[in-house]
Amino acid sequence: MTELPALLAVIAGSAAAALIFRGCRIPLWPITGGLVGAAAVNLGFGLAVQVPDLIVLFAQLLVGTAIGATIAPDTFAQFRRFLAPGTLAVAAVLAAGVLFGWMFAVLGILDPAEAMLSLMPGGVGEMVTAGVALGHDGAVIIGAHMVRLFTVLLSLPLVLWAAVRIQRRWVTGQDGPEPDPS
């Protein structure tokens, strides 16, 4: 398969899977569906599609624009409320990411830089973009983040159910009917 038809096939697979994920109400369907669809077409047909640098740059600009456009004037007022607890939580997650990344590197499981980028908190797109921009294997970083992302998304209903139950029983003292986690 020549480069353009292969690239178009991967893009079509990405869009199709994203739409399927949307229909199934899977969170973050554009990213997770796009990743799964592109990977399925790439692997299913034995392709090795390289997305042209100009398209990668344009996509990075779009992601940055989409994230930046969500910042409103009241964002910083809300930010002050959770600055201290948020900073503590991020520091703990960063420390865990660095520790596990270092262990994976020492054990020879991953390259040190890819291990750190794979285990750092942040969006899949952002971490992969940073890794690719620094010259590292984006597929390794995507793989690790997809495991993290799907684990979090699949366990989220249970975590929310437990959080509501703990809140009602031990914080507010209410012992009412069980809430619906969805």
N, C-alpha and C. Protein backbone atom coordinates (compact mmCIF):
# COMPACT_ATOMS: atom_id res chain seq x y z
N MET A 1 0.86 -1.17 0.00
CA MET A 1 0.00 0.00 0.00
C MET A 1 0.90 1.23 0.00
N THR A 2 0.63 2.17 -0.89
CA THR A 2 1.44 3.38 -0.92
C THR A 2 1.11 4.24 0.29
N GLU A 3 1.89 5.26 0.53
CA GLU A 3 1.79 6.05 1.75
C GLU A 3 0.45 6.78 1.91
N LEU A 4 -0.07 7.45 0.89
CA LEU A 4 -1.32 8.20 1.03
C LEU A 4 -2.53 7.31 1.29
N PRO A 5 -2.74 6.22 0.53
CA PRO A 5 -3.88 5.35 0.87
C PRO A 5 -3.77 4.75 2.28
N ALA A 6 -2.56 4.41 2.69
CA ALA A 6 -2.37 3.85 4.05
C ALA A 6 -2.71 4.90 5.10
N LEU A 7 -2.26 6.12 4.88
CA LEU A 7 -2.56 7.21 5.82
C LEU A 7 -4.06 7.47 5.87
N LEU A 8 -4.72 7.48 4.72
CA LEU A 8 -6.17 7.68 4.68
C LEU A 8 -6.90 6.53 5.36
N ALA A 9 -6.41 5.31 5.22
CA ALA A 9 -7.02 4.15 5.89
C ALA A 9 -6.91 4.29 7.41
N VAL A 10 -5.76 4.72 7.88
CA VAL A 10 -5.55 4.90 9.33
C VAL A 10 -6.46 6.02 9.84
N ILE A 11 -6.56 7.11 9.09
CA ILE A 11 -7.44 8.22 9.50
C ILE A 11 -8.90 7.75 9.53
N ALA A 12 -9.31 6.99 8.53
CA ALA A 12 -10.69 6.47 8.50
C ALA A 12 -10.95 5.53 9.68
N GLY A 13 -10.00 4.66 9.97
CA GLY A 13 -10.15 3.76 11.12
C GLY A 13 -10.22 4.52 12.42
N SER A 14 -9.43 5.56 12.53
CA SER A 14 -9.43 6.40 13.72
C SER A 14 -10.78 7.08 13.89
N ALA A 15 -11.30 7.67 12.82
CA ALA A 15 -12.59 8.35 12.89
C ALA A 15 -13.73 7.36 13.18
N ALA A 16 -13.69 6.20 12.55
CA ALA A 16 -14.75 5.20 12.76
C ALA A 16 -14.77 4.72 14.21
N ALA A 17 -13.60 4.41 14.75
CA ALA A 17 -13.56 3.95 16.15
C ALA A 17 -13.98 5.06 17.10
N ALA A 18 -13.60 6.30 16.81
CA ALA A 18 -14.02 7.41 17.67
C ALA A 18 -15.54 7.52 17.69
N LEU A 19 -16.17 7.38 16.53
CA LEU A 19 -17.62 7.45 16.47
C LEU A 19 -18.28 6.27 17.20
N ILE A 20 -17.68 5.11 17.09
CA ILE A 20 -18.20 3.94 17.83
C ILE A 20 -18.07 4.18 19.33
N PHE A 21 -16.91 4.70 19.76
CA PHE A 21 -16.70 4.99 21.18
C PHE A 21 -17.71 6.05 21.66
N ARG A 22 -18.01 7.01 20.80
CA ARG A 22 -18.99 8.03 21.15
C ARG A 22 -20.36 7.39 21.34
N GLY A 23 -20.74 6.53 20.41
CA GLY A 23 -22.02 5.85 20.51
C GLY A 23 -22.12 4.97 21.75
N CYS A 24 -21.01 4.40 22.18
CA CYS A 24 -20.98 3.57 23.39
C CYS A 24 -20.81 4.41 24.66
N ARG A 25 -20.72 5.73 24.50
CA ARG A 25 -20.55 6.66 25.61
C ARG A 25 -19.27 6.41 26.41
N ILE A 26 -18.21 6.07 25.72
CA ILE A 26 -16.92 5.88 26.37
C ILE A 26 -16.30 7.26 26.57
N PRO A 27 -15.88 7.56 27.80
CA PRO A 27 -15.30 8.88 28.05
C PRO A 27 -14.07 9.14 27.17
N LEU A 28 -13.86 10.38 26.85
CA LEU A 28 -12.73 10.82 26.01
C LEU A 28 -12.73 10.12 24.66
N TRP A 29 -13.91 9.91 24.10
CA TRP A 29 -14.05 9.13 22.87
C TRP A 29 -13.22 9.65 21.71
N PRO A 30 -13.00 10.95 21.53
CA PRO A 30 -12.20 11.35 20.38
C PRO A 30 -10.75 10.85 20.47
N ILE A 31 -10.19 10.90 21.68
CA ILE A 31 -8.79 10.48 21.84
C ILE A 31 -8.69 8.97 21.91
N THR A 32 -9.46 8.36 22.82
CA THR A 32 -9.33 6.91 22.98
C THR A 32 -9.80 6.17 21.74
N GLY A 33 -10.91 6.59 21.17
CA GLY A 33 -11.39 5.95 19.94
C GLY A 33 -10.43 6.15 18.79
N GLY A 34 -9.92 7.37 18.66
CA GLY A 34 -8.96 7.65 17.60
C GLY A 34 -7.69 6.81 17.73
N LEU A 35 -7.19 6.69 18.95
CA LEU A 35 -5.98 5.89 19.17
C LEU A 35 -6.22 4.42 18.87
N VAL A 36 -7.32 3.90 19.39
CA VAL A 36 -7.62 2.48 19.19
C VAL A 36 -7.87 2.19 17.72
N GLY A 37 -8.65 3.04 17.05
CA GLY A 37 -8.95 2.83 15.64
C GLY A 37 -7.72 2.90 14.76
N ALA A 38 -6.88 3.91 14.98
CA ALA A 38 -5.65 4.04 14.19
C ALA A 38 -4.73 2.84 14.42
N ALA A 39 -4.60 2.45 15.68
CA ALA A 39 -3.74 1.31 15.99
C ALA A 39 -4.30 0.02 15.38
N ALA A 40 -5.63 -0.16 15.44
CA ALA A 40 -6.24 -1.37 14.89
C ALA A 40 -6.00 -1.48 13.39
N VAL A 41 -6.17 -0.38 12.67
CA VAL A 41 -5.94 -0.40 11.22
C VAL A 41 -4.46 -0.61 10.93
N ASN A 42 -3.62 0.10 11.65
CA ASN A 42 -2.17 -0.02 11.45
C ASN A 42 -1.69 -1.45 11.69
N LEU A 43 -2.14 -2.03 12.79
CA LEU A 43 -1.71 -3.39 13.13
C LEU A 43 -2.44 -4.44 12.30
N GLY A 44 -3.74 -4.23 12.09
CA GLY A 44 -4.54 -5.20 11.36
C GLY A 44 -4.10 -5.40 9.92
N PHE A 45 -3.62 -4.34 9.31
CA PHE A 45 -3.18 -4.42 7.92
C PHE A 45 -1.66 -4.44 7.79
N GLY A 46 -0.96 -4.50 8.91
CA GLY A 46 0.50 -4.56 8.89
C GLY A 46 1.13 -3.30 8.31
N LEU A 47 0.52 -2.17 8.58
CA LEU A 47 1.03 -0.91 8.06
C LEU A 47 2.06 -0.31 9.02
N ALA A 48 2.83 0.60 8.51
CA ALA A 48 3.76 1.37 9.34
C ALA A 48 3.64 2.82 8.89
N VAL A 49 2.47 3.39 9.11
CA VAL A 49 2.17 4.73 8.62
C VAL A 49 2.89 5.77 9.46
N GLN A 50 3.58 6.66 8.80
CA GLN A 50 4.18 7.82 9.43
C GLN A 50 3.33 9.02 9.06
N VAL A 51 2.75 9.67 10.05
CA VAL A 51 1.96 10.86 9.78
C VAL A 51 2.95 11.98 9.47
N PRO A 52 2.72 12.70 8.38
CA PRO A 52 3.65 13.78 8.01
C PRO A 52 3.81 14.82 9.13
N ASP A 53 5.01 15.35 9.25
CA ASP A 53 5.32 16.30 10.32
C ASP A 53 4.39 17.50 10.32
N LEU A 54 3.99 17.98 9.15
CA LEU A 54 3.10 19.13 9.08
C LEU A 54 1.74 18.81 9.70
N ILE A 55 1.23 17.61 9.48
CA ILE A 55 -0.05 17.21 10.07
C ILE A 55 0.09 17.06 11.59
N VAL A 56 1.22 16.49 12.03
CA VAL A 56 1.47 16.36 13.48
C VAL A 56 1.52 17.74 14.13
N LEU A 57 2.23 18.67 13.51
CA LEU A 57 2.33 20.03 14.04
C LEU A 57 0.95 20.68 14.10
N PHE A 58 0.16 20.54 13.03
CA PHE A 58 -1.19 21.10 13.00
C PHE A 58 -2.06 20.50 14.10
N ALA A 59 -1.96 19.19 14.29
CA ALA A 59 -2.74 18.52 15.34
C ALA A 59 -2.33 19.02 16.73
N GLN A 60 -1.02 19.20 16.94
CA GLN A 60 -0.55 19.71 18.22
C GLN A 60 -1.07 21.12 18.47
N LEU A 61 -1.07 21.93 17.42
CA LEU A 61 -1.60 23.30 17.55
C LEU A 61 -3.09 23.28 17.87
N LEU A 62 -3.83 22.36 17.24
CA LEU A 62 -5.26 22.25 17.53
C LEU A 62 -5.52 21.82 18.97
N VAL A 63 -4.74 20.84 19.46
CA VAL A 63 -4.91 20.39 20.84
C VAL A 63 -4.60 21.53 21.80
N GLY A 64 -3.50 22.23 21.56
CA GLY A 64 -3.15 23.37 22.41
C GLY A 64 -4.20 24.45 22.39
N THR A 65 -4.74 24.73 21.21
CA THR A 65 -5.79 25.74 21.08
C THR A 65 -7.05 25.31 21.81
N ALA A 66 -7.43 24.06 21.67
CA ALA A 66 -8.63 23.56 22.33
C ALA A 66 -8.50 23.64 23.84
N ILE A 67 -7.34 23.31 24.37
CA ILE A 67 -7.13 23.38 25.81
C ILE A 67 -7.09 24.83 26.27
N GLY A 68 -6.34 25.65 25.56
CA GLY A 68 -6.22 27.06 25.93
C GLY A 68 -7.54 27.80 25.86
N ALA A 69 -8.40 27.44 24.93
CA ALA A 69 -9.68 28.11 24.77
C ALA A 69 -10.64 27.83 25.92
N THR A 70 -10.38 26.82 26.72
CA THR A 70 -11.25 26.51 27.86
C THR A 70 -10.97 27.40 29.06
N ILE A 71 -9.88 28.14 29.03
CA ILE A 71 -9.53 29.00 30.16
C ILE A 71 -10.36 30.28 30.06
N ALA A 72 -11.15 30.51 31.09
CA ALA A 72 -12.03 31.68 31.16
C ALA A 72 -11.55 32.60 32.28
N PRO A 73 -12.07 33.83 32.34
CA PRO A 73 -11.64 34.75 33.41
C PRO A 73 -11.85 34.19 34.82
N ASP A 74 -12.90 33.42 35.04
CA ASP A 74 -13.14 32.88 36.38
C ASP A 74 -12.31 31.64 36.68
N THR A 75 -11.56 31.15 35.71
CA THR A 75 -10.73 29.96 35.92
C THR A 75 -9.73 30.18 37.05
N PHE A 76 -9.09 31.34 37.05
CA PHE A 76 -8.06 31.60 38.07
C PHE A 76 -8.67 31.82 39.45
N ALA A 77 -9.89 32.35 39.51
CA ALA A 77 -10.57 32.49 40.80
C ALA A 77 -10.88 31.11 41.37
N GLN A 78 -11.33 30.19 40.51
CA GLN A 78 -11.59 28.82 40.96
C GLN A 78 -10.29 28.11 41.31
N PHE A 79 -9.24 28.45 40.59
CA PHE A 79 -7.94 27.80 40.78
C PHE A 79 -7.41 28.03 42.19
N ARG A 80 -7.64 29.20 42.75
CA ARG A 80 -7.13 29.51 44.10
C ARG A 80 -7.65 28.54 45.14
N ARG A 81 -8.89 28.06 44.96
CA ARG A 81 -9.50 27.13 45.93
C ARG A 81 -8.75 25.83 46.06
N PHE A 82 -8.26 25.32 44.95
CA PHE A 82 -7.63 24.00 45.00
C PHE A 82 -6.14 24.04 44.71
N LEU A 83 -5.52 25.21 44.83
CA LEU A 83 -4.08 25.33 44.57
C LEU A 83 -3.27 24.45 45.51
N ALA A 84 -3.47 24.57 46.82
CA ALA A 84 -2.67 23.81 47.78
C ALA A 84 -2.97 22.30 47.69
N PRO A 85 -4.25 21.86 47.80
CA PRO A 85 -4.48 20.41 47.72
C PRO A 85 -4.13 19.85 46.34
N GLY A 86 -4.36 20.62 45.30
CA GLY A 86 -4.02 20.16 43.95
C GLY A 86 -2.53 20.01 43.76
N THR A 87 -1.77 20.95 44.29
CA THR A 87 -0.31 20.88 44.21
C THR A 87 0.21 19.66 44.95
N LEU A 88 -0.35 19.39 46.12
CA LEU A 88 0.06 18.21 46.90
C LEU A 88 -0.26 16.93 46.14
N ALA A 89 -1.45 16.85 45.55
CA ALA A 89 -1.84 15.65 44.81
C ALA A 89 -0.94 15.45 43.60
N VAL A 90 -0.67 16.52 42.86
CA VAL A 90 0.20 16.41 41.68
C VAL A 90 1.61 16.02 42.09
N ALA A 91 2.12 16.58 43.19
CA ALA A 91 3.46 16.22 43.65
C ALA A 91 3.53 14.74 44.00
N ALA A 92 2.49 14.22 44.64
CA ALA A 92 2.47 12.79 44.99
C ALA A 92 2.44 11.92 43.74
N VAL A 93 1.62 12.30 42.76
CA VAL A 93 1.53 11.51 41.52
C VAL A 93 2.84 11.61 40.74
N LEU A 94 3.44 12.80 40.71
CA LEU A 94 4.73 12.96 40.03
C LEU A 94 5.80 12.09 40.69
N ALA A 95 5.82 12.11 42.02
CA ALA A 95 6.81 11.30 42.74
C ALA A 95 6.62 9.81 42.43
N ALA A 96 5.36 9.36 42.41
CA ALA A 96 5.09 7.95 42.09
C ALA A 96 5.51 7.65 40.66
N GLY A 97 5.22 8.56 39.73
CA GLY A 97 5.62 8.37 38.33
C GLY A 97 7.12 8.29 38.17
N VAL A 98 7.83 9.18 38.85
CA VAL A 98 9.29 9.16 38.78
C VAL A 98 9.85 7.88 39.41
N LEU A 99 9.30 7.49 40.54
CA LEU A 99 9.77 6.26 41.20
C LEU A 99 9.55 5.04 40.32
N PHE A 100 8.34 4.87 39.79
CA PHE A 100 8.07 3.72 38.94
C PHE A 100 8.84 3.81 37.62
N GLY A 101 8.95 5.02 37.07
CA GLY A 101 9.73 5.20 35.84
C GLY A 101 11.18 4.82 36.05
N TRP A 102 11.73 5.23 37.16
CA TRP A 102 13.11 4.88 37.48
C TRP A 102 13.25 3.37 37.65
N MET A 103 12.28 2.74 38.34
CA MET A 103 12.33 1.28 38.52
C MET A 103 12.22 0.56 37.19
N PHE A 104 11.33 1.01 36.30
CA PHE A 104 11.19 0.38 34.99
C PHE A 104 12.47 0.53 34.18
N ALA A 105 13.13 1.69 34.32
CA ALA A 105 14.39 1.91 33.60
C ALA A 105 15.49 1.02 34.16
N VAL A 106 15.59 0.93 35.49
CA VAL A 106 16.61 0.10 36.13
C VAL A 106 16.42 -1.37 35.77
N LEU A 107 15.17 -1.82 35.70
CA LEU A 107 14.87 -3.21 35.36
C LEU A 107 14.97 -3.48 33.86
N GLY A 108 15.20 -2.44 33.07
CA GLY A 108 15.35 -2.60 31.63
C GLY A 108 14.03 -2.78 30.89
N ILE A 109 12.94 -2.44 31.54
CA ILE A 109 11.63 -2.57 30.91
C ILE A 109 11.43 -1.48 29.87
N LEU A 110 11.80 -0.26 30.21
CA LEU A 110 11.65 0.88 29.31
C LEU A 110 12.90 1.75 29.34
N ASP A 111 13.08 2.51 28.28
CA ASP A 111 14.11 3.54 28.23
C ASP A 111 13.77 4.57 29.32
N PRO A 112 14.78 5.14 30.01
CA PRO A 112 14.47 6.06 31.12
C PRO A 112 13.54 7.21 30.75
N ALA A 113 13.81 7.90 29.64
CA ALA A 113 12.97 9.04 29.27
C ALA A 113 11.56 8.57 28.90
N GLU A 114 11.45 7.47 28.17
CA GLU A 114 10.13 6.96 27.80
C GLU A 114 9.38 6.47 29.03
N ALA A 115 10.10 5.90 29.99
CA ALA A 115 9.46 5.45 31.23
C ALA A 115 8.87 6.64 31.98
N MET A 116 9.64 7.71 32.08
CA MET A 116 9.14 8.89 32.79
C MET A 116 7.93 9.49 32.08
N LEU A 117 8.03 9.66 30.76
CA LEU A 117 6.91 10.22 29.99
C LEU A 117 5.69 9.31 30.01
N SER A 118 5.90 8.02 30.10
CA SER A 118 4.80 7.06 30.12
C SER A 118 4.06 7.06 31.44
N LEU A 119 4.74 7.42 32.51
CA LEU A 119 4.14 7.32 33.84
C LEU A 119 3.82 8.66 34.47
N MET A 120 4.07 9.75 33.78
CA MET A 120 3.75 11.08 34.30
C MET A 120 2.26 11.35 34.16
N PRO A 121 1.71 12.13 35.08
CA PRO A 121 0.30 12.51 34.92
C PRO A 121 0.18 13.48 33.75
N GLY A 122 -0.94 13.50 33.17
CA GLY A 122 -1.18 14.39 32.03
C GLY A 122 -1.98 13.67 30.98
N GLY A 123 -2.44 14.42 30.03
CA GLY A 123 -3.23 13.85 28.97
C GLY A 123 -2.39 13.00 28.05
N VAL A 124 -3.03 12.02 27.45
CA VAL A 124 -2.35 11.13 26.51
C VAL A 124 -1.72 11.95 25.39
N GLY A 125 -2.51 12.82 24.80
CA GLY A 125 -2.02 13.62 23.69
C GLY A 125 -0.84 14.49 24.06
N GLU A 126 -0.91 15.09 25.23
CA GLU A 126 0.16 15.99 25.65
C GLU A 126 1.46 15.23 25.93
N MET A 127 1.37 14.11 26.63
CA MET A 127 2.58 13.35 26.95
C MET A 127 3.20 12.73 25.69
N VAL A 128 2.35 12.22 24.80
CA VAL A 128 2.86 11.65 23.55
C VAL A 128 3.48 12.74 22.69
N THR A 129 2.82 13.87 22.62
CA THR A 129 3.35 15.00 21.85
C THR A 129 4.70 15.43 22.40
N ALA A 130 4.80 15.53 23.71
CA ALA A 130 6.08 15.91 24.32
C ALA A 130 7.15 14.87 24.01
N GLY A 131 6.79 13.59 24.13
CA GLY A 131 7.75 12.53 23.86
C GLY A 131 8.24 12.52 22.43
N VAL A 132 7.30 12.65 21.49
CA VAL A 132 7.67 12.66 20.07
C VAL A 132 8.52 13.88 19.76
N ALA A 133 8.15 15.03 20.33
CA ALA A 133 8.91 16.26 20.11
C ALA A 133 10.34 16.13 20.64
N LEU A 134 10.52 15.31 21.67
CA LEU A 134 11.85 15.10 22.24
C LEU A 134 12.58 13.93 21.58
N GLY A 135 11.94 13.30 20.59
CA GLY A 135 12.59 12.24 19.83
C GLY A 135 12.44 10.84 20.41
N HIS A 136 11.40 10.62 21.20
CA HIS A 136 11.20 9.30 21.81
C HIS A 136 10.07 8.56 21.10
N ASP A 137 9.94 7.28 21.39
CA ASP A 137 8.96 6.41 20.75
C ASP A 137 7.56 6.70 21.27
N GLY A 138 6.75 7.36 20.45
CA GLY A 138 5.39 7.71 20.84
C GLY A 138 4.52 6.50 21.09
N ALA A 139 4.77 5.40 20.39
CA ALA A 139 3.95 4.20 20.56
C ALA A 139 4.09 3.62 21.97
N VAL A 140 5.30 3.65 22.50
CA VAL A 140 5.53 3.14 23.86
C VAL A 140 4.78 4.02 24.87
N ILE A 141 4.88 5.33 24.67
CA ILE A 141 4.23 6.27 25.58
C ILE A 141 2.71 6.13 25.49
N ILE A 142 2.20 6.01 24.27
CA ILE A 142 0.76 5.82 24.09
C ILE A 142 0.30 4.54 24.77
N GLY A 143 1.05 3.47 24.59
CA GLY A 143 0.67 2.18 25.19
C GLY A 143 0.53 2.27 26.69
N ALA A 144 1.52 2.88 27.34
CA ALA A 144 1.48 2.99 28.80
C ALA A 144 0.33 3.88 29.24
N HIS A 145 0.12 4.99 28.54
CA HIS A 145 -0.97 5.88 28.91
C HIS A 145 -2.34 5.26 28.65
N MET A 146 -2.44 4.46 27.61
CA MET A 146 -3.73 3.81 27.34
C MET A 146 -4.06 2.80 28.43
N VAL A 147 -3.06 2.08 28.92
CA VAL A 147 -3.29 1.16 30.04
C VAL A 147 -3.78 1.96 31.25
N ARG A 148 -3.10 3.06 31.54
CA ARG A 148 -3.49 3.91 32.67
C ARG A 148 -4.90 4.47 32.46
N LEU A 149 -5.15 5.00 31.28
CA LEU A 149 -6.42 5.64 30.99
C LEU A 149 -7.59 4.65 31.07
N PHE A 150 -7.45 3.50 30.44
CA PHE A 150 -8.54 2.53 30.48
C PHE A 150 -8.74 1.96 31.87
N THR A 151 -7.66 1.78 32.63
CA THR A 151 -7.80 1.30 34.01
C THR A 151 -8.58 2.31 34.84
N VAL A 152 -8.24 3.59 34.70
CA VAL A 152 -8.95 4.63 35.43
C VAL A 152 -10.41 4.70 34.99
N LEU A 153 -10.65 4.73 33.69
CA LEU A 153 -12.02 4.87 33.21
C LEU A 153 -12.90 3.67 33.58
N LEU A 154 -12.33 2.47 33.52
CA LEU A 154 -13.12 1.29 33.84
C LEU A 154 -13.37 1.15 35.34
N SER A 155 -12.46 1.68 36.16
CA SER A 155 -12.65 1.57 37.60
C SER A 155 -13.38 2.77 38.18
N LEU A 156 -13.59 3.81 37.39
CA LEU A 156 -14.22 5.04 37.88
C LEU A 156 -15.59 4.83 38.51
N PRO A 157 -16.51 4.06 37.91
CA PRO A 157 -17.81 3.87 38.57
C PRO A 157 -17.68 3.28 39.98
N LEU A 158 -16.79 2.32 40.15
CA LEU A 158 -16.60 1.72 41.47
C LEU A 158 -16.00 2.74 42.45
N VAL A 159 -15.04 3.50 42.00
CA VAL A 159 -14.40 4.51 42.85
C VAL A 159 -15.42 5.57 43.27
N LEU A 160 -16.25 6.04 42.32
CA LEU A 160 -17.26 7.04 42.67
C LEU A 160 -18.30 6.47 43.62
N TRP A 161 -18.71 5.23 43.41
CA TRP A 161 -19.67 4.59 44.31
C TRP A 161 -19.10 4.54 45.73
N ALA A 162 -17.84 4.12 45.84
CA ALA A 162 -17.20 4.03 47.16
C ALA A 162 -17.05 5.41 47.80
N ALA A 163 -16.69 6.41 47.01
CA ALA A 163 -16.52 7.76 47.55
C ALA A 163 -17.84 8.31 48.09
N VAL A 164 -18.93 8.11 47.35
CA VAL A 164 -20.24 8.58 47.81
C VAL A 164 -20.65 7.83 49.07
N ARG A 165 -20.42 6.53 49.10
CA ARG A 165 -20.79 5.72 50.27
C ARG A 165 -20.00 6.17 51.51
N ILE A 166 -18.71 6.40 51.35
CA ILE A 166 -17.88 6.86 52.47
C ILE A 166 -18.34 8.24 52.92
N GLN A 167 -18.61 9.13 51.97
CA GLN A 167 -19.08 10.48 52.29
C GLN A 167 -20.37 10.42 53.10
N ARG A 168 -21.32 9.61 52.65
CA ARG A 168 -22.61 9.52 53.34
C ARG A 168 -22.49 8.87 54.71
N ARG A 169 -21.70 7.83 54.82
CA ARG A 169 -21.64 7.08 56.08
C ARG A 169 -20.78 7.77 57.13
N TRP A 170 -19.58 8.21 56.77
CA TRP A 170 -18.64 8.69 57.78
C TRP A 170 -18.47 10.21 57.81
N VAL A 171 -18.81 10.91 56.77
CA VAL A 171 -18.63 12.36 56.79
C VAL A 171 -19.93 13.07 57.16
N THR A 172 -21.02 12.76 56.45
CA THR A 172 -22.29 13.44 56.73
C THR A 172 -23.17 12.67 57.70
N GLY A 173 -22.87 11.40 57.95
CA GLY A 173 -23.64 10.60 58.88
C GLY A 173 -24.97 10.12 58.35
N GLN A 174 -25.19 10.22 57.06
CA GLN A 174 -26.44 9.75 56.47
C GLN A 174 -26.27 8.30 56.04
N ASP A 175 -27.25 7.47 56.37
CA ASP A 175 -27.22 6.09 55.93
C ASP A 175 -28.49 5.82 55.13
N GLY A 176 -28.55 6.38 53.95
CA GLY A 176 -29.74 6.26 53.12
C GLY A 176 -29.55 5.19 52.06
N PRO A 177 -30.44 5.21 51.06
CA PRO A 177 -30.34 4.24 49.97
C PRO A 177 -29.06 4.44 49.17
N GLU A 178 -28.60 3.37 48.57
CA GLU A 178 -27.37 3.41 47.79
C GLU A 178 -27.54 4.30 46.55
N PRO A 179 -26.57 5.17 46.28
CA PRO A 179 -26.66 6.00 45.08
C PRO A 179 -26.31 5.19 43.84
N ASP A 180 -26.85 5.61 42.72
CA ASP A 180 -26.52 4.99 41.44
C ASP A 180 -25.19 5.55 40.95
N PRO A 181 -24.14 4.72 40.73
CA PRO A 181 -22.82 5.24 40.39
C PRO A 181 -22.75 5.85 38.98
N SER A 182 -23.75 5.65 38.14
CA SER A 182 -23.65 6.18 36.77
C SER A 182 -24.29 7.50 36.59
